[in-house]
Amino acid sequence: QLTILRDNKDEISKVLTVREEFDPVIYLREFHGETKREDLVAGRSHLQQHLSRGHSLLKALVKHNFDRFINCQNTIDSIHATLKRNEKDMSGGSAGTQNIRLSIEDVE
């Protein structure tokens, strides 16, 4: 029985590890109140290794795809600039759409 779930449903977010309101003390009390200290220490070590690997993988992903990220940003900036120019030049129905299409094709 989880006392936090039984006594106060508003406090559930404190035991959800993906929420900003997560409280490790409450989490440990609710889920590991009977767990031996040695097991908690081993679990902590395992979690640190897991998080470290995830961080390394994320860094590698960004490093490997950095050029793609930059190209995407440049494309977005170009489209934004084109939209701003067309907004100023409200002279013509499909002509504005045509200009956007041509600008997108130029970026590709």
PDB file of N, CA and C in Angstrom:
ATOM      1  N   GLN A   1       0.833  -1.194   0.000  1.00  0.00           N
ATOM      2  CA  GLN A   1       0.000   0.000   0.000  1.00  0.00           C
ATOM      3  C   GLN A   1       0.867   1.242   0.000  1.00  0.00           C
ATOM      4  N   LEU A   2       0.600   2.113  -0.909  1.00  0.00           N
ATOM      5  CA  LEU A   2       1.333   3.364  -0.978  1.00  0.00           C
ATOM      6  C   LEU A   2       0.556   4.428  -0.230  1.00  0.00           C
ATOM      7  N   THR A   3       1.120   4.920   0.858  1.00  0.00           N
ATOM      8  CA  THR A   3       0.403   5.909   1.656  1.00  0.00           C
ATOM      9  C   THR A   3       0.155   7.188   0.891  1.00  0.00           C
ATOM     10  N   ILE A   4       1.098   7.566   0.050  1.00  0.00           N
ATOM     11  CA  ILE A   4       0.915   8.809  -0.704  1.00  0.00           C
ATOM     12  C   ILE A   4      -0.274   8.701  -1.662  1.00  0.00           C
ATOM     13  N   LEU A   5      -0.471   7.541  -2.263  1.00  0.00           N
ATOM     14  CA  LEU A   5      -1.579   7.354  -3.188  1.00  0.00           C
ATOM     15  C   LEU A   5      -2.896   7.247  -2.442  1.00  0.00           C
ATOM     16  N   ARG A   6      -2.866   6.655  -1.274  1.00  0.00           N
ATOM     17  CA  ARG A   6      -4.080   6.463  -0.496  1.00  0.00           C
ATOM     18  C   ARG A   6      -4.511   7.751   0.182  1.00  0.00           C
ATOM     19  N   ASP A   7      -3.556   8.514   0.710  1.00  0.00           N
ATOM     20  CA  ASP A   7      -3.879   9.671   1.533  1.00  0.00           C
ATOM     21  C   ASP A   7      -4.065  10.969   0.756  1.00  0.00           C
ATOM     22  N   ASN A   8      -3.336  11.160  -0.346  1.00  0.00           N
ATOM     23  CA  ASN A   8      -3.395  12.444  -1.024  1.00  0.00           C
ATOM     24  C   ASN A   8      -3.072  12.278  -2.507  1.00  0.00           C
ATOM     25  N   LYS A   9      -4.089  12.200  -3.295  1.00  0.00           N
ATOM     26  CA  LYS A   9      -3.902  11.972  -4.724  1.00  0.00           C
ATOM     27  C   LYS A   9      -3.190  13.140  -5.413  1.00  0.00           C
ATOM     28  N   ASP A  10      -3.220  14.330  -4.815  1.00  0.00           N
ATOM     29  CA  ASP A  10      -2.521  15.483  -5.392  1.00  0.00           C
ATOM     30  C   ASP A  10      -1.008  15.336  -5.293  1.00  0.00           C
ATOM     31  N   GLU A  11      -0.536  14.457  -4.437  1.00  0.00           N
ATOM     32  CA  GLU A  11       0.893  14.280  -4.217  1.00  0.00           C
ATOM     33  C   GLU A  11       1.503  13.216  -5.137  1.00  0.00           C
ATOM     34  N   ILE A  12       0.706  12.617  -5.990  1.00  0.00           N
ATOM     35  CA  ILE A  12       1.196  11.544  -6.863  1.00  0.00           C
ATOM     36  C   ILE A  12       2.367  12.007  -7.716  1.00  0.00           C
ATOM     37  N   SER A  13       2.333  13.249  -8.178  1.00  0.00           N
ATOM     38  CA  SER A  13       3.412  13.743  -9.046  1.00  0.00           C
ATOM     39  C   SER A  13       4.771  13.713  -8.351  1.00  0.00           C
ATOM     40  N   LYS A  14       4.772  13.664  -7.021  1.00  0.00           N
ATOM     41  CA  LYS A  14       6.041  13.643  -6.293  1.00  0.00           C
ATOM     42  C   LYS A  14       6.743  12.298  -6.375  1.00  0.00           C
ATOM     43  N   VAL A  15       6.042  11.257  -6.803  1.00  0.00           N
ATOM     44  CA  VAL A  15       6.675   9.947  -6.952  1.00  0.00           C
ATOM     45  C   VAL A  15       6.848   9.549  -8.412  1.00  0.00           C
ATOM     46  N   LEU A  16       6.449  10.421  -9.319  1.00  0.00           N
ATOM     47  CA  LEU A  16       6.631  10.156 -10.746  1.00  0.00           C
ATOM     48  C   LEU A  16       7.959  10.770 -11.183  1.00  0.00           C
ATOM     49  N   THR A  17       8.910   9.921 -11.535  1.00  0.00           N
ATOM     50  CA  THR A  17      10.272  10.383 -11.815  1.00  0.00           C
ATOM     51  C   THR A  17      10.369  11.313 -13.018  1.00  0.00           C
ATOM     52  N   VAL A  18       9.361  11.342 -13.855  1.00  0.00           N
ATOM     53  CA  VAL A  18       9.408  12.191 -15.048  1.00  0.00           C
ATOM     54  C   VAL A  18       8.811  13.571 -14.808  1.00  0.00           C
ATOM     55  N   ARG A  19       8.320  13.821 -13.625  1.00  0.00           N
ATOM     56  CA  ARG A  19       7.685  15.104 -13.309  1.00  0.00           C
ATOM     57  C   ARG A  19       8.665  16.038 -12.602  1.00  0.00           C
ATOM     58  N   GLU A  20       8.491  17.327 -12.799  1.00  0.00           N
ATOM     59  CA  GLU A  20       9.342  18.312 -12.132  1.00  0.00           C
ATOM     60  C   GLU A  20       9.155  18.276 -10.617  1.00  0.00           C
ATOM     61  N   GLU A  21       7.984  17.872 -10.181  1.00  0.00           N
ATOM     62  CA  GLU A  21       7.677  17.853  -8.751  1.00  0.00           C
ATOM     63  C   GLU A  21       8.251  16.620  -8.050  1.00  0.00           C
ATOM     64  N   PHE A  22       8.960  15.772  -8.782  1.00  0.00           N
ATOM     65  CA  PHE A  22       9.507  14.543  -8.217  1.00  0.00           C
ATOM     66  C   PHE A  22      10.310  14.841  -6.954  1.00  0.00           C
ATOM     67  N   ASP A  23      10.044  14.063  -5.912  1.00  0.00           N
ATOM     68  CA  ASP A  23      10.741  14.206  -4.633  1.00  0.00           C
ATOM     69  C   ASP A  23      11.381  12.863  -4.297  1.00  0.00           C
ATOM     70  N   PRO A  24      12.724  12.768  -4.385  1.00  0.00           N
ATOM     71  CA  PRO A  24      13.377  11.472  -4.161  1.00  0.00           C
ATOM     72  C   PRO A  24      13.158  10.919  -2.759  1.00  0.00           C
ATOM     73  N   VAL A  25      13.035  11.777  -1.766  1.00  0.00           N
ATOM     74  CA  VAL A  25      12.810  11.298  -0.397  1.00  0.00           C
ATOM     75  C   VAL A  25      11.458  10.603  -0.299  1.00  0.00           C
ATOM     76  N   ILE A  26      10.427  11.236  -0.847  1.00  0.00           N
ATOM     77  CA  ILE A  26       9.092  10.624  -0.820  1.00  0.00           C
ATOM     78  C   ILE A  26       9.089   9.344  -1.645  1.00  0.00           C
ATOM     79  N   TYR A  27       9.758   9.376  -2.793  1.00  0.00           N
ATOM     80  CA  TYR A  27       9.827   8.190  -3.642  1.00  0.00           C
ATOM     81  C   TYR A  27      10.456   7.017  -2.879  1.00  0.00           C
ATOM     82  N   LEU A  28      11.593   7.275  -2.247  1.00  0.00           N
ATOM     83  CA  LEU A  28      12.260   6.209  -1.500  1.00  0.00           C
ATOM     84  C   LEU A  28      11.389   5.713  -0.348  1.00  0.00           C
ATOM     85  N   ARG A  29      10.736   6.616   0.343  1.00  0.00           N
ATOM     86  CA  ARG A  29       9.873   6.214   1.455  1.00  0.00           C
ATOM     87  C   ARG A  29       8.732   5.326   0.968  1.00  0.00           C
ATOM     88  N   GLU A  30       8.132   5.714  -0.161  1.00  0.00           N
ATOM     89  CA  GLU A  30       6.956   5.000  -0.651  1.00  0.00           C
ATOM     90  C   GLU A  30       7.299   3.665  -1.311  1.00  0.00           C
ATOM     91  N   PHE A  31       8.379   3.637  -2.066  1.00  0.00           N
ATOM     92  CA  PHE A  31       8.683   2.443  -2.850  1.00  0.00           C
ATOM     93  C   PHE A  31       9.792   1.579  -2.262  1.00  0.00           C
ATOM     94  N   HIS A  32      10.621   2.164  -1.426  1.00  0.00           N
ATOM     95  CA  HIS A  32      11.765   1.411  -0.921  1.00  0.00           C
ATOM     96  C   HIS A  32      11.931   1.514   0.590  1.00  0.00           C
ATOM     97  N   GLY A  33      10.848   1.715   1.280  1.00  0.00           N
ATOM     98  CA  GLY A  33      10.898   1.821   2.733  1.00  0.00           C
ATOM     99  C   GLY A  33      11.458   0.582   3.413  1.00  0.00           C
ATOM    100  N   GLU A  34      11.284  -0.564   2.792  1.00  0.00           N
ATOM    101  CA  GLU A  34      11.757  -1.832   3.366  1.00  0.00           C
ATOM    102  C   GLU A  34      13.050  -2.336   2.720  1.00  0.00           C
ATOM    103  N   THR A  35      13.580  -1.585   1.768  1.00  0.00           N
ATOM    104  CA  THR A  35      14.776  -2.016   1.049  1.00  0.00           C
ATOM    105  C   THR A  35      16.026  -1.793   1.902  1.00  0.00           C
ATOM    106  N   LYS A  36      16.942  -2.754   1.852  1.00  0.00           N
ATOM    107  CA  LYS A  36      18.196  -2.653   2.608  1.00  0.00           C
ATOM    108  C   LYS A  36      19.069  -1.543   2.023  1.00  0.00           C
ATOM    109  N   ARG A  37      19.843  -0.922   2.891  1.00  0.00           N
ATOM    110  CA  ARG A  37      20.721   0.175   2.481  1.00  0.00           C
ATOM    111  C   ARG A  37      21.690  -0.275   1.391  1.00  0.00           C
ATOM    112  N   GLU A  38      22.258  -1.452   1.518  1.00  0.00           N
ATOM    113  CA  GLU A  38      23.215  -1.944   0.522  1.00  0.00           C
ATOM    114  C   GLU A  38      22.568  -2.057  -0.853  1.00  0.00           C
ATOM    115  N   ASP A  39      21.316  -2.483  -0.883  1.00  0.00           N
ATOM    116  CA  ASP A  39      20.606  -2.593  -2.156  1.00  0.00           C
ATOM    117  C   ASP A  39      20.348  -1.209  -2.751  1.00  0.00           C
ATOM    118  N   LEU A  40      20.043  -0.245  -1.908  1.00  0.00           N
ATOM    119  CA  LEU A  40      19.840   1.125  -2.399  1.00  0.00           C
ATOM    120  C   LEU A  40      21.130   1.700  -2.979  1.00  0.00           C
ATOM    121  N   VAL A  41      22.253   1.450  -2.306  1.00  0.00           N
ATOM    122  CA  VAL A  41      23.541   1.941  -2.796  1.00  0.00           C
ATOM    123  C   VAL A  41      23.872   1.300  -4.146  1.00  0.00           C
ATOM    124  N   ALA A  42      23.629   0.000  -4.260  1.00  0.00           N
ATOM    125  CA  ALA A  42      23.886  -0.692  -5.533  1.00  0.00           C
ATOM    126  C   ALA A  42      22.969  -0.149  -6.625  1.00  0.00           C
ATOM    127  N   GLY A  43      21.719   0.103  -6.288  1.00  0.00           N
ATOM    128  CA  GLY A  43      20.778   0.669  -7.255  1.00  0.00           C
ATOM    129  C   GLY A  43      21.192   2.054  -7.708  1.00  0.00           C
ATOM    130  N   ARG A  44      21.691   2.848  -6.774  1.00  0.00           N
ATOM    131  CA  ARG A  44      22.164   4.195  -7.105  1.00  0.00           C
ATOM    132  C   ARG A  44      23.320   4.122  -8.086  1.00  0.00           C
ATOM    133  N   SER A  45      24.249   3.221  -7.846  1.00  0.00           N
ATOM    134  CA  SER A  45      25.394   3.050  -8.735  1.00  0.00           C
ATOM    135  C   SER A  45      24.935   2.650 -10.132  1.00  0.00           C
ATOM    136  N   HIS A  46      24.003   1.730 -10.197  1.00  0.00           N
ATOM    137  CA  HIS A  46      23.468   1.278 -11.482  1.00  0.00           C
ATOM    138  C   HIS A  46      22.797   2.441 -12.227  1.00  0.00           C
ATOM    139  N   LEU A  47      22.011   3.239 -11.516  1.00  0.00           N
ATOM    140  CA  LEU A  47      21.342   4.380 -12.144  1.00  0.00           C
ATOM    141  C   LEU A  47      22.351   5.408 -12.656  1.00  0.00           C
ATOM    142  N   GLN A  48      23.417   5.657 -11.891  1.00  0.00           N
ATOM    143  CA  GLN A  48      24.430   6.608 -12.337  1.00  0.00           C
ATOM    144  C   GLN A  48      25.102   6.135 -13.624  1.00  0.00           C
ATOM    145  N   GLN A  49      25.415   4.843 -13.698  1.00  0.00           N
ATOM    146  CA  GLN A  49      26.030   4.301 -14.908  1.00  0.00           C
ATOM    147  C   GLN A  49      25.067   4.413 -16.092  1.00  0.00           C
ATOM    148  N   HIS A  50      23.806   4.103 -15.861  1.00  0.00           N
ATOM    149  CA  HIS A  50      22.792   4.166 -16.910  1.00  0.00           C
ATOM    150  C   HIS A  50      22.639   5.607 -17.424  1.00  0.00           C
ATOM    151  N   LEU A  51      22.578   6.560 -16.509  1.00  0.00           N
ATOM    152  CA  LEU A  51      22.437   7.961 -16.904  1.00  0.00           C
ATOM    153  C   LEU A  51      23.677   8.456 -17.644  1.00  0.00           C
ATOM    154  N   SER A  52      24.840   8.008 -17.215  1.00  0.00           N
ATOM    155  CA  SER A  52      26.082   8.404 -17.870  1.00  0.00           C
ATOM    156  C   SER A  52      26.122   7.899 -19.310  1.00  0.00           C
ATOM    157  N   ARG A  53      25.712   6.654 -19.515  1.00  0.00           N
ATOM    158  CA  ARG A  53      25.669   6.097 -20.876  1.00  0.00           C
ATOM    159  C   ARG A  53      24.680   6.878 -21.735  1.00  0.00           C
ATOM    160  N   GLY A  54      23.517   7.192 -21.166  1.00  0.00           N
ATOM    161  CA  GLY A  54      22.514   7.942 -21.923  1.00  0.00           C
ATOM    162  C   GLY A  54      23.015   9.314 -22.319  1.00  0.00           C
ATOM    163  N   HIS A  55      23.727   9.968 -21.405  1.00  0.00           N
ATOM    164  CA  HIS A  55      24.286  11.289 -21.691  1.00  0.00           C
ATOM    165  C   HIS A  55      25.317  11.193 -22.821  1.00  0.00           C
ATOM    166  N   SER A  56      26.147  10.173 -22.770  1.00  0.00           N
ATOM    167  CA  SER A  56      27.160   9.977 -23.815  1.00  0.00           C
ATOM    168  C   SER A  56      26.507   9.717 -25.164  1.00  0.00           C
ATOM    169  N   LEU A  57      25.455   8.916 -25.172  1.00  0.00           N
ATOM    170  CA  LEU A  57      24.754   8.636 -26.428  1.00  0.00           C
ATOM    171  C   LEU A  57      24.110   9.894 -26.996  1.00  0.00           C
ATOM    172  N   LEU A  58      23.553  10.723 -26.137  1.00  0.00           N
ATOM    173  CA  LEU A  58      22.936  11.964 -26.592  1.00  0.00           C
ATOM    174  C   LEU A  58      23.985  12.905 -27.182  1.00  0.00           C
ATOM    175  N   LYS A  59      25.139  13.014 -26.528  1.00  0.00           N
ATOM    176  CA  LYS A  59      26.220  13.848 -27.056  1.00  0.00           C
ATOM    177  C   LYS A  59      26.674  13.341 -28.425  1.00  0.00           C
ATOM    178  N   ALA A  60      26.787  12.033 -28.571  1.00  0.00           N
ATOM    179  CA  ALA A  60      27.207  11.459 -29.849  1.00  0.00           C
ATOM    180  C   ALA A  60      26.167  11.739 -30.933  1.00  0.00           C
ATOM    181  N   LEU A  61      24.889  11.646 -30.581  1.00  0.00           N
ATOM    182  CA  LEU A  61      23.822  11.924 -31.538  1.00  0.00           C
ATOM    183  C   LEU A  61      23.904  13.360 -32.036  1.00  0.00           C
ATOM    184  N   VAL A  62      24.077  14.295 -31.124  1.00  0.00           N
ATOM    185  CA  VAL A  62      24.170  15.700 -31.509  1.00  0.00           C
ATOM    186  C   VAL A  62      25.416  15.934 -32.363  1.00  0.00           C
ATOM    187  N   LYS A  63      26.542  15.367 -31.940  1.00  0.00           N
ATOM    188  CA  LYS A  63      27.795  15.551 -32.693  1.00  0.00           C
ATOM    189  C   LYS A  63      27.666  14.983 -34.101  1.00  0.00           C
ATOM    190  N   HIS A  64      27.070  13.793 -34.208  1.00  0.00           N
ATOM    191  CA  HIS A  64      26.931  13.136 -35.503  1.00  0.00           C
ATOM    192  C   HIS A  64      25.977  13.894 -36.429  1.00  0.00           C
ATOM    193  N   ASN A  65      24.977  14.546 -35.877  1.00  0.00           N
ATOM    194  CA  ASN A  65      23.950  15.205 -36.694  1.00  0.00           C
ATOM    195  C   ASN A  65      24.009  16.727 -36.638  1.00  0.00           C
ATOM    196  N   PHE A  66      25.107  17.282 -36.147  1.00  0.00           N
ATOM    197  CA  PHE A  66      25.194  18.722 -35.973  1.00  0.00           C
ATOM    198  C   PHE A  66      24.939  19.480 -37.275  1.00  0.00           C
ATOM    199  N   ASP A  67      25.544  19.023 -38.364  1.00  0.00           N
ATOM    200  CA  ASP A  67      25.340  19.693 -39.659  1.00  0.00           C
ATOM    201  C   ASP A  67      23.872  19.689 -40.061  1.00  0.00           C
ATOM    202  N   ARG A  68      23.189  18.596 -39.791  1.00  0.00           N
ATOM    203  CA  ARG A  68      21.756  18.525 -40.113  1.00  0.00           C
ATOM    204  C   ARG A  68      20.962  19.515 -39.283  1.00  0.00           C
ATOM    205  N   PHE A  69      21.297  19.626 -37.991  1.00  0.00           N
ATOM    206  CA  PHE A  69      20.607  20.587 -37.130  1.00  0.00           C
ATOM    207  C   PHE A  69      20.791  22.005 -37.666  1.00  0.00           C
ATOM    208  N   ILE A  70      22.014  22.331 -38.053  1.00  0.00           N
ATOM    209  CA  ILE A  70      22.307  23.672 -38.579  1.00  0.00           C
ATOM    210  C   ILE A  70      21.550  23.903 -39.881  1.00  0.00           C
ATOM    211  N   ASN A  71      21.545  22.928 -40.778  1.00  0.00           N
ATOM    212  CA  ASN A  71      20.819  23.069 -42.043  1.00  0.00           C
ATOM    213  C   ASN A  71      19.329  23.266 -41.809  1.00  0.00           C
ATOM    214  N   CYS A  72      18.780  22.532 -40.867  1.00  0.00           N
ATOM    215  CA  CYS A  72      17.355  22.705 -40.545  1.00  0.00           C
ATOM    216  C   CYS A  72      17.085  24.117 -40.051  1.00  0.00           C
ATOM    217  N   GLN A  73      17.952  24.605 -39.158  1.00  0.00           N
ATOM    218  CA  GLN A  73      17.766  25.960 -38.636  1.00  0.00           C
ATOM    219  C   GLN A  73      17.878  26.989 -39.755  1.00  0.00           C
ATOM    220  N   ASN A  74      18.831  26.809 -40.647  1.00  0.00           N
ATOM    221  CA  ASN A  74      18.975  27.732 -41.772  1.00  0.00           C
ATOM    222  C   ASN A  74      17.743  27.707 -42.665  1.00  0.00           C
ATOM    223  N   THR A  75      17.189  26.532 -42.890  1.00  0.00           N
ATOM    224  CA  THR A  75      15.974  26.417 -43.702  1.00  0.00           C
ATOM    225  C   THR A  75      14.807  27.137 -43.028  1.00  0.00           C
ATOM    226  N   ILE A  76      14.654  26.926 -41.748  1.00  0.00           N
ATOM    227  CA  ILE A  76      13.583  27.596 -41.006  1.00  0.00           C
ATOM    228  C   ILE A  76      13.760  29.107 -41.066  1.00  0.00           C
ATOM    229  N   ASP A  77      14.996  29.585 -40.887  1.00  0.00           N
ATOM    230  CA  ASP A  77      15.272  31.022 -40.949  1.00  0.00           C
ATOM    231  C   ASP A  77      14.946  31.585 -42.331  1.00  0.00           C
ATOM    232  N   SER A  78      15.297  30.835 -43.377  1.00  0.00           N
ATOM    233  CA  SER A  78      15.019  31.286 -44.739  1.00  0.00           C
ATOM    234  C   SER A  78      13.518  31.375 -45.000  1.00  0.00           C
ATOM    235  N   ILE A  79      12.791  30.372 -44.567  1.00  0.00           N
ATOM    236  CA  ILE A  79      11.329  30.375 -44.744  1.00  0.00           C
ATOM    237  C   ILE A  79      10.723  31.540 -43.965  1.00  0.00           C
ATOM    238  N   HIS A  80      11.195  31.758 -42.756  1.00  0.00           N
ATOM    239  CA  HIS A  80      10.689  32.854 -41.936  1.00  0.00           C
ATOM    240  C   HIS A  80      10.931  34.200 -42.617  1.00  0.00           C
ATOM    241  N   ALA A  81      12.129  34.387 -43.158  1.00  0.00           N
ATOM    242  CA  ALA A  81      12.450  35.635 -43.852  1.00  0.00           C
ATOM    243  C   ALA A  81      11.551  35.820 -45.073  1.00  0.00           C
ATOM    244  N   THR A  82      11.318  34.749 -45.806  1.00  0.00           N
ATOM    245  CA  THR A  82      10.444  34.818 -46.980  1.00  0.00           C
ATOM    246  C   THR A  82       9.024  35.193 -46.580  1.00  0.00           C
ATOM    247  N   LEU A  83       8.541  34.585 -45.517  1.00  0.00           N
ATOM    248  CA  LEU A  83       7.194  34.918 -45.041  1.00  0.00           C
ATOM    249  C   LEU A  83       7.103  36.383 -44.626  1.00  0.00           C
ATOM    250  N   LYS A  84       8.134  36.887 -43.967  1.00  0.00           N
ATOM    251  CA  LYS A  84       8.148  38.298 -43.565  1.00  0.00           C
ATOM    252  C   LYS A  84       8.122  39.207 -44.784  1.00  0.00           C
ATOM    253  N   ARG A  85       8.940  38.870 -45.804  1.00  0.00           N
ATOM    254  CA  ARG A  85       8.948  39.683 -47.028  1.00  0.00           C
ATOM    255  C   ARG A  85       7.578  39.658 -47.694  1.00  0.00           C
ATOM    256  N   ASN A  86       6.972  38.487 -47.776  1.00  0.00           N
ATOM    257  CA  ASN A  86       5.668  38.362 -48.420  1.00  0.00           C
ATOM    258  C   ASN A  86       4.576  39.058 -47.625  1.00  0.00           C
ATOM    259  N   GLU A  87       4.749  39.107 -46.322  1.00  0.00           N
ATOM    260  CA  GLU A  87       3.787  39.796 -45.476  1.00  0.00           C
ATOM    261  C   GLU A  87       3.788  41.291 -45.802  1.00  0.00           C
ATOM    262  N   LYS A  88       4.977  41.839 -46.063  1.00  0.00           N
ATOM    263  CA  LYS A  88       5.092  43.254 -46.415  1.00  0.00           C
ATOM    264  C   LYS A  88       4.527  43.520 -47.810  1.00  0.00           C
ATOM    265  N   ASP A  89       4.696  42.541 -48.671  1.00  0.00           N
ATOM    266  CA  ASP A  89       4.243  42.692 -50.051  1.00  0.00           C
ATOM    267  C   ASP A  89       2.958  41.906 -50.246  1.00  0.00           C
ATOM    268  N   MET A  90       1.854  42.462 -49.829  1.00  0.00           N
ATOM    269  CA  MET A  90       0.563  41.772 -49.894  1.00  0.00           C
ATOM    270  C   MET A  90      -0.090  41.973 -51.261  1.00  0.00           C
ATOM    271  N   SER A  91       0.708  42.103 -52.294  1.00  0.00           N
ATOM    272  CA  SER A  91       0.169  42.473 -53.598  1.00  0.00           C
ATOM    273  C   SER A  91      -0.500  41.346 -54.339  1.00  0.00           C
ATOM    274  N   GLY A  92      -0.280  40.087 -53.900  1.00  0.00           N
ATOM    275  CA  GLY A  92      -0.925  39.228 -54.830  1.00  0.00           C
ATOM    276  C   GLY A  92      -1.162  37.789 -54.544  1.00  0.00           C
ATOM    277  N   GLY A  93      -2.322  37.440 -54.167  1.00  0.00           N
ATOM    278  CA  GLY A  93      -2.863  36.095 -54.066  1.00  0.00           C
ATOM    279  C   GLY A  93      -1.852  34.975 -54.176  1.00  0.00           C
ATOM    280  N   SER A  94      -1.878  34.271 -55.296  1.00  0.00           N
ATOM    281  CA  SER A  94      -1.040  33.093 -55.467  1.00  0.00           C
ATOM    282  C   SER A  94       0.416  33.457 -55.721  1.00  0.00           C
ATOM    283  N   ALA A  95       0.692  34.705 -56.063  1.00  0.00           N
ATOM    284  CA  ALA A  95       2.082  35.101 -56.291  1.00  0.00           C
ATOM    285  C   ALA A  95       2.891  34.949 -55.010  1.00  0.00           C
ATOM    286  N   GLY A  96       2.291  35.295 -53.866  1.00  0.00           N
ATOM    287  CA  GLY A  96       2.977  35.137 -52.585  1.00  0.00           C
ATOM    288  C   GLY A  96       3.280  33.680 -52.298  1.00  0.00           C
ATOM    289  N   THR A  97       2.342  32.805 -52.570  1.00  0.00           N
ATOM    290  CA  THR A  97       2.536  31.380 -52.360  1.00  0.00           C
ATOM    291  C   THR A  97       3.611  30.855 -53.300  1.00  0.00           C
ATOM    292  N   GLN A  98       3.602  31.323 -54.517  1.00  0.00           N
ATOM    293  CA  GLN A  98       4.610  30.918 -55.502  1.00  0.00           C
ATOM    294  C   GLN A  98       6.005  31.298 -55.016  1.00  0.00           C
ATOM    295  N   ASN A  99       6.148  32.499 -54.463  1.00  0.00           N
ATOM    296  CA  ASN A  99       7.454  32.939 -53.951  1.00  0.00           C
ATOM    297  C   ASN A  99       7.939  32.035 -52.821  1.00  0.00           C
ATOM    298  N   ILE A 100       7.050  31.641 -51.948  1.00  0.00           N
ATOM    299  CA  ILE A 100       7.426  30.750 -50.846  1.00  0.00           C
ATOM    300  C   ILE A 100       7.890  29.409 -51.393  1.00  0.00           C
ATOM    301  N   ARG A 101       7.126  28.861 -52.336  1.00  0.00           N
ATOM    302  CA  ARG A 101       7.494  27.577 -52.928  1.00  0.00           C
ATOM    303  C   ARG A 101       8.865  27.647 -53.580  1.00  0.00           C
ATOM    304  N   LEU A 102       9.135  28.684 -54.310  1.00  0.00           N
ATOM    305  CA  LEU A 102      10.437  28.866 -54.962  1.00  0.00           C
ATOM    306  C   LEU A 102      11.550  29.003 -53.932  1.00  0.00           C
ATOM    307  N   SER A 103      11.288  29.715 -52.869  1.00  0.00           N
ATOM    308  CA  SER A 103      12.300  29.875 -51.812  1.00  0.00           C
ATOM    309  C   SER A 103      12.618  28.532 -51.156  1.00  0.00           C
ATOM    310  N   ILE A 104      11.607  27.718 -50.910  1.00  0.00           N
ATOM    311  CA  ILE A 104      11.813  26.404 -50.307  1.00  0.00           C
ATOM    312  C   ILE A 104      12.621  25.530 -51.265  1.00  0.00           C
ATOM    313  N   GLU A 105      12.306  25.580 -52.552  1.00  0.00           N
ATOM    314  CA  GLU A 105      13.053  24.801 -53.532  1.00  0.00           C
ATOM    315  C   GLU A 105      14.517  25.248 -53.587  1.00  0.00           C
ATOM    316  N   ASP A 106      14.761  26.562 -53.437  1.00  0.00           N
ATOM    317  CA  ASP A 106      16.142  27.058 -53.435  1.00  0.00           C
ATOM    318  C   ASP A 106      16.927  26.509 -52.252  1.00  0.00           C
ATOM    319  N   VAL A 107      16.278  26.400 -51.105  1.00  0.00           N
ATOM    320  CA  VAL A 107      16.955  25.918 -49.911  1.00  0.00           C
ATOM    321  C   VAL A 107      17.279  24.426 -50.038  1.00  0.00           C
ATOM    322  N   GLU A 108      16.369  23.673 -50.641  1.00  0.00           N
ATOM    323  CA  GLU A 108      16.582  22.224 -50.803  1.00  0.00           C
ATOM    324  C   GLU A 108      17.775  21.986 -51.673  1.00  0.00           C
TER     325      GLU A 108
END
